[in-house]
Amino acid sequence: MNHTQLVRAQLGEVAIDACCAKAEWATLCCCAGRVQDEDLVLTLPNDEVCERAGLLLEGLFGAAAPEGDVWVLAAAALADLGRGIAAEQPVPPAALLQRNCCKQAFLRMLFLWGGNVTWGRDYRLELTGTPALLTRAQASAAHFDCQGHLRGTRAGLYWSKGETVADMLSLCGAHAARLLLEEESARRITRAAINRGINRESANQDKTASASARQRAAIRALLERGTSLPPSLQAVAQARLTYPEATLEQLAEHLDSTRSAINHALRRLMELSE
């Protein structure tokens, strides 16, 4: 199950409040409805919308859902709430979207009908529909400080930041999906931090190994030439040959000295070998 299917499944289980039912039904009619021979025809795109529409149809009109994904509903049975919306209005009437919960119901049905979402390496939640529907959706989301962006000349409204995608999931009612997004995001951030630490440690080790190789070559050159060294330099030279992989801090610990003193002594040995 991909992220979109997961979210649709969760949205299909959101309880339908009495006031929000009208907002969801109106949104569905605007997305999927058309009038044909005085009847309302709904073309439903997926199982979640079919199930949701059936619940709305029963709750609002006391009618059973037809079979299949194309429903032909007698206009007389739906009064003004169904047929008139599909025939005359590109968006649900403003009176149905006054309350915050109804704005959220509007966004929820838009996602069920034609939304998609993904998260992980990239974040993106997108709603599709007519320009009028998407403009209303943009305004509804902005009411909750969740600003979406219209996608050029194509009919899409999208959010592409992790925080705003998470907020949109909550607004639509997919709270469990938001938690999953945040958990996966936290794991990815932790993994990235660990990888950076490993890469940094590896780079430091490579740097130490390279410097040690140059220092040991210089010390051997001095020994081959029989260069006389003061006791302090002799001790550092011997320690470097004995502990080729040791860091400056480790050499300082072996010699009961300081990192600065060891570093200065090794530089001096390098200079004498030139």
C-alpha atoms as a PDB file:
ATOM      1  CA  MET A   1       0.000   0.000   0.000  1.00  0.00           C
ATOM      2  CA  ASN A   2       1.507   3.330  -1.066  1.00  0.00           C
ATOM      3  CA  HIS A   3       1.133   6.585   0.850  1.00  0.00           C
ATOM      4  CA  THR A   4      -1.867   7.770  -1.163  1.00  0.00           C
ATOM      5  CA  GLN A   5      -3.748   4.501  -0.615  1.00  0.00           C
ATOM      6  CA  LEU A   6      -2.886   4.603   3.088  1.00  0.00           C
ATOM      7  CA  VAL A   7      -4.260   8.120   3.477  1.00  0.00           C
ATOM      8  CA  ARG A   8      -7.408   7.371   1.463  1.00  0.00           C
ATOM      9  CA  ALA A   9      -8.110   4.355   3.649  1.00  0.00           C
ATOM     10  CA  GLN A  10      -7.786   6.493   6.777  1.00  0.00           C
ATOM     11  CA  LEU A  11      -9.935   9.310   5.394  1.00  0.00           C
ATOM     12  CA  GLY A  12     -12.642   6.839   4.459  1.00  0.00           C
ATOM     13  CA  GLU A  13     -12.943   5.931   8.148  1.00  0.00           C
ATOM     14  CA  VAL A  14     -13.357   9.502   9.438  1.00  0.00           C
ATOM     15  CA  ALA A  15     -16.707   9.910  11.168  1.00  0.00           C
ATOM     16  CA  ILE A  16     -19.261  11.971   9.233  1.00  0.00           C
ATOM     17  CA  ASP A  17     -20.809  14.800  11.243  1.00  0.00           C
ATOM     18  CA  ALA A  18     -24.246  16.054  10.295  1.00  0.00           C
ATOM     19  CA  CYS A  19     -23.079  19.501   9.145  1.00  0.00           C
ATOM     20  CA  CYS A  20     -20.024  18.173   7.346  1.00  0.00           C
ATOM     21  CA  ALA A  21     -22.028  15.572   5.415  1.00  0.00           C
ATOM     22  CA  LYS A  22     -23.585  18.291   3.270  1.00  0.00           C
ATOM     23  CA  ALA A  23     -20.162  19.833   2.578  1.00  0.00           C
ATOM     24  CA  GLU A  24     -18.722  16.466   1.548  1.00  0.00           C
ATOM     25  CA  TRP A  25     -21.713  15.601  -0.649  1.00  0.00           C
ATOM     26  CA  ALA A  26     -21.633  19.009  -2.338  1.00  0.00           C
ATOM     27  CA  THR A  27     -17.904  18.600  -2.997  1.00  0.00           C
ATOM     28  CA  LEU A  28     -18.457  15.136  -4.449  1.00  0.00           C
ATOM     29  CA  CYS A  29     -21.172  16.452  -6.761  1.00  0.00           C
ATOM     30  CA  CYS A  30     -18.905  19.246  -7.996  1.00  0.00           C
ATOM     31  CA  CYS A  31     -16.047  16.782  -8.620  1.00  0.00           C
ATOM     32  CA  ALA A  32     -17.884  13.791 -10.018  1.00  0.00           C
ATOM     33  CA  GLY A  33     -21.431  14.887 -10.875  1.00  0.00           C
ATOM     34  CA  ARG A  34     -23.288  15.901 -13.999  1.00  0.00           C
ATOM     35  CA  VAL A  35     -26.971  16.247 -14.857  1.00  0.00           C
ATOM     36  CA  GLN A  36     -28.390  13.938 -17.497  1.00  0.00           C
ATOM     37  CA  ASP A  37     -32.082  13.822 -18.331  1.00  0.00           C
ATOM     38  CA  GLU A  38     -32.994  15.462 -15.024  1.00  0.00           C
ATOM     39  CA  ASP A  39     -31.005  12.847 -13.091  1.00  0.00           C
ATOM     40  CA  LEU A  40     -27.737  13.264 -11.242  1.00  0.00           C
ATOM     41  CA  VAL A  41     -24.941  11.062 -12.609  1.00  0.00           C
ATOM     42  CA  LEU A  42     -21.920  10.484 -10.378  1.00  0.00           C
ATOM     43  CA  THR A  43     -18.760   8.898 -11.767  1.00  0.00           C
ATOM     44  CA  LEU A  44     -16.751   7.662  -8.791  1.00  0.00           C
ATOM     45  CA  PRO A  45     -13.000   7.137  -9.258  1.00  0.00           C
ATOM     46  CA  ASN A  46     -12.046   4.681  -6.484  1.00  0.00           C
ATOM     47  CA  ASP A  47     -13.385   2.329  -3.825  1.00  0.00           C
ATOM     48  CA  GLU A  48     -12.894   4.809  -0.989  1.00  0.00           C
ATOM     49  CA  VAL A  49     -15.047   7.423  -2.730  1.00  0.00           C
ATOM     50  CA  CYS A  50     -17.695   4.788  -3.507  1.00  0.00           C
ATOM     51  CA  GLU A  51     -17.881   3.745   0.145  1.00  0.00           C
ATOM     52  CA  ARG A  52     -17.915   7.336   1.365  1.00  0.00           C
ATOM     53  CA  ALA A  53     -20.572   8.343  -1.148  1.00  0.00           C
ATOM     54  CA  GLY A  54     -22.726   5.410  -0.024  1.00  0.00           C
ATOM     55  CA  LEU A  55     -22.568   6.555   3.582  1.00  0.00           C
ATOM     56  CA  LEU A  56     -23.425  10.120   2.575  1.00  0.00           C
ATOM     57  CA  LEU A  57     -26.282   9.010   0.356  1.00  0.00           C
ATOM     58  CA  GLU A  58     -27.803   6.936   3.151  1.00  0.00           C
ATOM     59  CA  GLY A  59     -27.249   9.567   5.837  1.00  0.00           C
ATOM     60  CA  LEU A  60     -28.555  12.543   3.883  1.00  0.00           C
ATOM     61  CA  PHE A  61     -31.302  10.991   1.764  1.00  0.00           C
ATOM     62  CA  GLY A  62     -32.035   7.601   3.301  1.00  0.00           C
ATOM     63  CA  ALA A  63     -31.194   5.968  -0.020  1.00  0.00           C
ATOM     64  CA  ALA A  64     -29.137   2.854  -0.711  1.00  0.00           C
ATOM     65  CA  ALA A  65     -26.027   3.132  -2.859  1.00  0.00           C
ATOM     66  CA  PRO A  66     -26.314   1.763  -6.420  1.00  0.00           C
ATOM     67  CA  GLU A  67     -23.846  -0.868  -7.580  1.00  0.00           C
ATOM     68  CA  GLY A  68     -20.791  -0.030  -9.652  1.00  0.00           C
ATOM     69  CA  ASP A  69     -18.852   3.202  -9.941  1.00  0.00           C
ATOM     70  CA  VAL A  70     -21.333   5.158 -12.104  1.00  0.00           C
ATOM     71  CA  TRP A  71     -24.447   6.121 -10.196  1.00  0.00           C
ATOM     72  CA  VAL A  72     -27.600   7.491 -11.783  1.00  0.00           C
ATOM     73  CA  LEU A  73     -29.692   9.109  -9.054  1.00  0.00           C
ATOM     74  CA  ALA A  74     -33.197  10.427  -9.524  1.00  0.00           C
ATOM     75  CA  ALA A  75     -33.145  14.179  -8.990  1.00  0.00           C
ATOM     76  CA  ALA A  76     -36.459  14.135  -7.167  1.00  0.00           C
ATOM     77  CA  ALA A  77     -34.979  11.945  -4.453  1.00  0.00           C
ATOM     78  CA  LEU A  78     -32.112  14.343  -3.811  1.00  0.00           C
ATOM     79  CA  ALA A  79     -34.037  17.607  -3.578  1.00  0.00           C
ATOM     80  CA  ASP A  80     -31.814  20.693  -3.917  1.00  0.00           C
ATOM     81  CA  LEU A  81     -28.672  19.281  -2.356  1.00  0.00           C
ATOM     82  CA  GLY A  82     -27.485  17.124  -5.224  1.00  0.00           C
ATOM     83  CA  ARG A  83     -28.792  17.992  -8.631  1.00  0.00           C
ATOM     84  CA  GLY A  84     -28.555  21.768  -8.399  1.00  0.00           C
ATOM     85  CA  ILE A  85     -24.936  21.720  -7.232  1.00  0.00           C
ATOM     86  CA  ALA A  86     -23.726  19.565 -10.090  1.00  0.00           C
ATOM     87  CA  ALA A  87     -25.650  21.496 -12.715  1.00  0.00           C
ATOM     88  CA  GLU A  88     -25.177  25.077 -11.686  1.00  0.00           C
ATOM     89  CA  GLN A  89     -22.235  25.594  -9.346  1.00  0.00           C
ATOM     90  CA  PRO A  90     -18.519  24.906  -9.936  1.00  0.00           C
ATOM     91  CA  VAL A  91     -17.824  24.853  -6.193  1.00  0.00           C
ATOM     92  CA  PRO A  92     -19.873  23.982  -3.103  1.00  0.00           C
ATOM     93  CA  PRO A  93     -22.059  26.863  -1.885  1.00  0.00           C
ATOM     94  CA  ALA A  94     -20.186  29.105   0.550  1.00  0.00           C
ATOM     95  CA  ALA A  95     -22.951  28.566   3.121  1.00  0.00           C
ATOM     96  CA  LEU A  96     -21.907  24.907   3.402  1.00  0.00           C
ATOM     97  CA  LEU A  97     -18.266  25.784   4.150  1.00  0.00           C
ATOM     98  CA  GLN A  98     -18.670  28.349   6.915  1.00  0.00           C
ATOM     99  CA  ARG A  99     -17.494  26.187   9.812  1.00  0.00           C
ATOM    100  CA  ASN A 100     -13.902  25.009  10.153  1.00  0.00           C
ATOM    101  CA  CYS A 101     -14.956  21.367  10.274  1.00  0.00           C
ATOM    102  CA  CYS A 102     -16.862  21.809   6.994  1.00  0.00           C
ATOM    103  CA  LYS A 103     -13.825  23.377   5.312  1.00  0.00           C
ATOM    104  CA  GLN A 104     -11.877  20.304   6.427  1.00  0.00           C
ATOM    105  CA  ALA A 105     -14.610  18.020   5.066  1.00  0.00           C
ATOM    106  CA  PHE A 106     -14.344  19.834   1.724  1.00  0.00           C
ATOM    107  CA  LEU A 107     -10.564  19.232   1.621  1.00  0.00           C
ATOM    108  CA  ARG A 108     -11.047  15.617   2.710  1.00  0.00           C
ATOM    109  CA  MET A 109     -13.415  14.817  -0.143  1.00  0.00           C
ATOM    110  CA  LEU A 110     -11.131  16.545  -2.640  1.00  0.00           C
ATOM    111  CA  PHE A 111      -8.294  14.286  -1.546  1.00  0.00           C
ATOM    112  CA  LEU A 112     -10.463  11.172  -1.651  1.00  0.00           C
ATOM    113  CA  TRP A 113     -11.622  12.064  -5.142  1.00  0.00           C
ATOM    114  CA  GLY A 114      -8.326  13.010  -6.765  1.00  0.00           C
ATOM    115  CA  GLY A 115      -5.526  13.636  -4.273  1.00  0.00           C
ATOM    116  CA  ASN A 116      -2.139  12.019  -3.937  1.00  0.00           C
ATOM    117  CA  VAL A 117       0.663  12.237  -1.419  1.00  0.00           C
ATOM    118  CA  THR A 118       4.198  10.969  -0.961  1.00  0.00           C
ATOM    119  CA  TRP A 119       6.887  11.485   1.635  1.00  0.00           C
ATOM    120  CA  GLY A 120      10.387  10.212   2.312  1.00  0.00           C
ATOM    121  CA  ARG A 121      13.170  11.694   0.214  1.00  0.00           C
ATOM    122  CA  ASP A 122      10.692  14.282  -1.093  1.00  0.00           C
ATOM    123  CA  TYR A 123       7.416  15.598   0.285  1.00  0.00           C
ATOM    124  CA  ARG A 124       4.396  16.359  -1.858  1.00  0.00           C
ATOM    125  CA  LEU A 125       0.641  16.422  -1.388  1.00  0.00           C
ATOM    126  CA  GLU A 126      -1.457  17.399  -4.385  1.00  0.00           C
ATOM    127  CA  LEU A 127      -5.146  17.921  -5.059  1.00  0.00           C
ATOM    128  CA  THR A 128      -6.630  17.884  -8.551  1.00  0.00           C
ATOM    129  CA  GLY A 129      -9.842  19.356  -9.878  1.00  0.00           C
ATOM    130  CA  THR A 130     -11.224  22.301 -11.769  1.00  0.00           C
ATOM    131  CA  PRO A 131      -9.545  25.704 -11.341  1.00  0.00           C
ATOM    132  CA  ALA A 132     -12.572  26.933  -9.383  1.00  0.00           C
ATOM    133  CA  LEU A 133     -12.435  23.990  -6.965  1.00  0.00           C
ATOM    134  CA  LEU A 134      -8.682  24.332  -6.457  1.00  0.00           C
ATOM    135  CA  THR A 135      -8.925  28.071  -5.863  1.00  0.00           C
ATOM    136  CA  ARG A 136     -11.536  27.402  -3.165  1.00  0.00           C
ATOM    137  CA  ALA A 137      -9.337  24.615  -1.730  1.00  0.00           C
ATOM    138  CA  GLN A 138      -6.353  26.959  -1.634  1.00  0.00           C
ATOM    139  CA  ALA A 139      -8.389  29.507   0.301  1.00  0.00           C
ATOM    140  CA  SER A 140      -9.748  26.859   2.682  1.00  0.00           C
ATOM    141  CA  ALA A 141      -6.263  25.541   3.471  1.00  0.00           C
ATOM    142  CA  ALA A 142      -4.887  29.073   3.855  1.00  0.00           C
ATOM    143  CA  HIS A 143      -7.585  29.668   6.482  1.00  0.00           C
ATOM    144  CA  PHE A 144      -5.605  27.180   8.611  1.00  0.00           C
ATOM    145  CA  ASP A 145      -2.241  28.808   7.714  1.00  0.00           C
ATOM    146  CA  CYS A 146      -1.417  25.981   5.308  1.00  0.00           C
ATOM    147  CA  GLN A 147      -0.653  27.774   2.055  1.00  0.00           C
ATOM    148  CA  GLY A 148      -0.784  25.656  -1.114  1.00  0.00           C
ATOM    149  CA  HIS A 149       0.499  26.505  -4.586  1.00  0.00           C
ATOM    150  CA  LEU A 150      -1.399  26.259  -7.853  1.00  0.00           C
ATOM    151  CA  ARG A 151       0.557  24.308 -10.458  1.00  0.00           C
ATOM    152  CA  GLY A 152       0.903  26.508 -13.543  1.00  0.00           C
ATOM    153  CA  THR A 153      -1.646  25.875 -16.275  1.00  0.00           C
ATOM    154  CA  ARG A 154      -2.393  22.326 -15.121  1.00  0.00           C
ATOM    155  CA  ALA A 155      -5.205  21.641 -12.678  1.00  0.00           C
ATOM    156  CA  GLY A 156      -3.188  20.934  -9.529  1.00  0.00           C
ATOM    157  CA  LEU A 157      -2.808  22.438  -6.062  1.00  0.00           C
ATOM    158  CA  TYR A 158       0.192  21.208  -4.116  1.00  0.00           C
ATOM    159  CA  TRP A 159       2.175  21.409  -0.877  1.00  0.00           C
ATOM    160  CA  SER A 160       5.840  20.391  -1.007  1.00  0.00           C
ATOM    161  CA  LYS A 161       7.319  20.954   2.451  1.00  0.00           C
ATOM    162  CA  GLY A 162       7.287  18.306   5.142  1.00  0.00           C
ATOM    163  CA  GLU A 163       5.586  20.547   7.688  1.00  0.00           C
ATOM    164  CA  THR A 164       2.799  21.699   5.369  1.00  0.00           C
ATOM    165  CA  VAL A 165       2.208  18.178   4.025  1.00  0.00           C
ATOM    166  CA  ALA A 166       1.880  16.978   7.622  1.00  0.00           C
ATOM    167  CA  ASP A 167      -0.521  19.841   8.401  1.00  0.00           C
ATOM    168  CA  MET A 168      -2.656  18.991   5.371  1.00  0.00           C
ATOM    169  CA  LEU A 169      -2.877  15.358   6.443  1.00  0.00           C
ATOM    170  CA  SER A 170      -4.166  16.523   9.816  1.00  0.00           C
ATOM    171  CA  LEU A 171      -6.643  18.941   8.251  1.00  0.00           C
ATOM    172  CA  CYS A 172      -8.084  16.178   6.079  1.00  0.00           C
ATOM    173  CA  GLY A 173      -8.311  13.838   9.069  1.00  0.00           C
ATOM    174  CA  ALA A 174      -5.403  11.433   8.397  1.00  0.00           C
ATOM    175  CA  HIS A 175      -3.802  11.844  11.817  1.00  0.00           C
ATOM    176  CA  ALA A 176      -2.225   8.380  11.864  1.00  0.00           C
ATOM    177  CA  ALA A 177      -0.597   9.082   8.498  1.00  0.00           C
ATOM    178  CA  ARG A 178       0.841  12.304   9.892  1.00  0.00           C
ATOM    179  CA  LEU A 179       2.406  10.389  12.791  1.00  0.00           C
ATOM    180  CA  LEU A 180       3.884   7.903  10.322  1.00  0.00           C
ATOM    181  CA  LEU A 181       5.312  10.747   8.218  1.00  0.00           C
ATOM    182  CA  GLU A 182       6.882  12.356  11.283  1.00  0.00           C
ATOM    183  CA  GLU A 183       8.336   9.036  12.496  1.00  0.00           C
ATOM    184  CA  GLU A 184       9.865   8.288   9.091  1.00  0.00           C
ATOM    185  CA  SER A 185      11.211  11.833   8.886  1.00  0.00           C
ATOM    186  CA  ALA A 186      12.820  11.517  12.332  1.00  0.00           C
ATOM    187  CA  ARG A 187      14.433   8.193  11.373  1.00  0.00           C
ATOM    188  CA  ARG A 188      15.781   9.691   8.155  1.00  0.00           C
ATOM    189  CA  ILE A 189      17.235  12.697   9.993  1.00  0.00           C
ATOM    190  CA  THR A 190      18.866  10.385  12.540  1.00  0.00           C
ATOM    191  CA  ARG A 191      20.306   8.161   9.799  1.00  0.00           C
ATOM    192  CA  ALA A 192      21.679  11.188   7.979  1.00  0.00           C
ATOM    193  CA  ALA A 193      23.316  12.471  11.162  1.00  0.00           C
ATOM    194  CA  ILE A 194      24.891   9.055  11.811  1.00  0.00           C
ATOM    195  CA  ASN A 195      26.160   8.849   8.231  1.00  0.00           C
ATOM    196  CA  ARG A 196      27.656  12.324   8.483  1.00  0.00           C
ATOM    197  CA  GLY A 197      29.407  11.313  11.682  1.00  0.00           C
ATOM    198  CA  ILE A 198      30.754   8.135  10.096  1.00  0.00           C
ATOM    199  CA  ASN A 199      31.943  10.035   7.035  1.00  0.00           C
ATOM    200  CA  ARG A 200      33.588  12.663   9.210  1.00  0.00           C
ATOM    201  CA  GLU A 201      35.330  10.015  11.312  1.00  0.00           C
ATOM    202  CA  SER A 202      36.468   8.196   8.180  1.00  0.00           C
ATOM    203  CA  ALA A 203      37.862  11.426   6.737  1.00  0.00           C
ATOM    204  CA  ASN A 204      39.697  12.129   9.999  1.00  0.00           C
ATOM    205  CA  GLN A 205      41.156   8.627   9.996  1.00  0.00           C
ATOM    206  CA  ASP A 206      42.303   9.010   6.398  1.00  0.00           C
ATOM    207  CA  LYS A 207      43.881  12.352   7.251  1.00  0.00           C
ATOM    208  CA  THR A 208      45.655  10.857  10.292  1.00  0.00           C
ATOM    209  CA  ALA A 209      46.918   7.880   8.266  1.00  0.00           C
ATOM    210  CA  SER A 210      48.254  10.121   5.494  1.00  0.00           C
ATOM    211  CA  ALA A 211      50.037  12.426   7.934  1.00  0.00           C
ATOM    212  CA  SER A 212      51.451   9.459   9.839  1.00  0.00           C
ATOM    213  CA  ALA A 213      52.880   7.950   6.655  1.00  0.00           C
ATOM    214  CA  ARG A 214      54.678  11.197   5.799  1.00  0.00           C
ATOM    215  CA  GLN A 215      55.990  11.563   9.342  1.00  0.00           C
ATOM    216  CA  ARG A 216      57.318   7.991   9.486  1.00  0.00           C
ATOM    217  CA  ALA A 217      59.017   8.416   6.116  1.00  0.00           C
ATOM    218  CA  ALA A 218      60.716  11.559   7.411  1.00  0.00           C
ATOM    219  CA  ILE A 219      61.831   9.828  10.624  1.00  0.00           C
ATOM    220  CA  ARG A 220      63.273   6.869   8.703  1.00  0.00           C
ATOM    221  CA  ALA A 221      65.148   9.253   6.429  1.00  0.00           C
ATOM    222  CA  LEU A 222      66.667  10.932   9.481  1.00  0.00           C
ATOM    223  CA  LEU A 223      67.661   7.578  10.981  1.00  0.00           C
ATOM    224  CA  GLU A 224      69.246   6.422   7.720  1.00  0.00           C
ATOM    225  CA  ARG A 225      71.310   9.608   7.579  1.00  0.00           C
ATOM    226  CA  GLY A 226      72.330   9.172  11.211  1.00  0.00           C
ATOM    227  CA  THR A 227      70.981  12.566  12.161  1.00  0.00           C
ATOM    228  CA  SER A 228      71.495  13.317  15.841  1.00  0.00           C
ATOM    229  CA  LEU A 229      68.231  14.225  17.546  1.00  0.00           C
ATOM    230  CA  PRO A 230      67.617  15.740  20.981  1.00  0.00           C
ATOM    231  CA  PRO A 231      65.952  13.406  23.492  1.00  0.00           C
ATOM    232  CA  SER A 232      62.559  15.084  23.170  1.00  0.00           C
ATOM    233  CA  LEU A 233      62.485  14.539  19.391  1.00  0.00           C
ATOM    234  CA  GLN A 234      63.839  11.010  19.742  1.00  0.00           C
ATOM    235  CA  ALA A 235      60.957  10.108  22.049  1.00  0.00           C
ATOM    236  CA  VAL A 236      58.351  11.488  19.649  1.00  0.00           C
ATOM    237  CA  ALA A 237      60.021   9.809  16.646  1.00  0.00           C
ATOM    238  CA  GLN A 238      60.077   6.446  18.423  1.00  0.00           C
ATOM    239  CA  ALA A 239      56.430   6.817  19.492  1.00  0.00           C
ATOM    240  CA  ARG A 240      55.350   7.597  15.952  1.00  0.00           C
ATOM    241  CA  LEU A 241      57.158   4.529  14.588  1.00  0.00           C
ATOM    242  CA  THR A 242      55.700   2.369  17.366  1.00  0.00           C
ATOM    243  CA  TYR A 243      52.146   3.661  17.047  1.00  0.00           C
ATOM    244  CA  PRO A 244      51.663   4.470  13.330  1.00  0.00           C
ATOM    245  CA  GLU A 245      47.865   4.743  13.580  1.00  0.00           C
ATOM    246  CA  ALA A 246      47.756   6.869  16.745  1.00  0.00           C
ATOM    247  CA  THR A 247      46.318  10.358  16.680  1.00  0.00           C
ATOM    248  CA  LEU A 248      48.205  13.327  18.104  1.00  0.00           C
ATOM    249  CA  GLU A 249      46.094  13.077  21.253  1.00  0.00           C
ATOM    250  CA  GLN A 250      46.970   9.404  21.671  1.00  0.00           C
ATOM    251  CA  LEU A 251      50.687  10.065  21.146  1.00  0.00           C
ATOM    252  CA  ALA A 252      50.527  12.849  23.720  1.00  0.00           C
ATOM    253  CA  GLU A 253      48.943  10.433  26.186  1.00  0.00           C
ATOM    254  CA  HIS A 254      51.667   7.831  25.589  1.00  0.00           C
ATOM    255  CA  LEU A 255      54.388  10.417  26.168  1.00  0.00           C
ATOM    256  CA  ASP A 256      52.650  12.272  28.991  1.00  0.00           C
ATOM    257  CA  SER A 257      52.753  15.425  26.896  1.00  0.00           C
ATOM    258  CA  THR A 258      50.314  17.722  25.086  1.00  0.00           C
ATOM    259  CA  ARG A 259      48.862  17.592  21.603  1.00  0.00           C
ATOM    260  CA  SER A 260      50.469  20.923  20.763  1.00  0.00           C
ATOM    261  CA  ALA A 261      53.921  19.728  21.840  1.00  0.00           C
ATOM    262  CA  ILE A 262      53.624  16.492  19.834  1.00  0.00           C
ATOM    263  CA  ASN A 263      52.436  18.378  16.773  1.00  0.00           C
ATOM    264  CA  HIS A 264      55.352  20.832  17.057  1.00  0.00           C
ATOM    265  CA  ALA A 265      57.871  17.978  17.448  1.00  0.00           C
ATOM    266  CA  LEU A 266      56.557  16.120  14.399  1.00  0.00           C
ATOM    267  CA  ARG A 267      56.678  19.290  12.287  1.00  0.00           C
ATOM    268  CA  ARG A 268      60.271  19.778  13.429  1.00  0.00           C
ATOM    269  CA  LEU A 269      61.157  16.216  12.415  1.00  0.00           C
ATOM    270  CA  MET A 270      59.597  16.807   8.987  1.00  0.00           C
ATOM    271  CA  GLU A 271      61.640  19.998   8.562  1.00  0.00           C
ATOM    272  CA  LEU A 272      64.919  18.280   9.552  1.00  0.00           C
ATOM    273  CA  SER A 273      64.322  15.537   6.979  1.00  0.00           C
ATOM    274  CA  GLU A 274      64.056  17.953   4.060  1.00  0.00           C
END
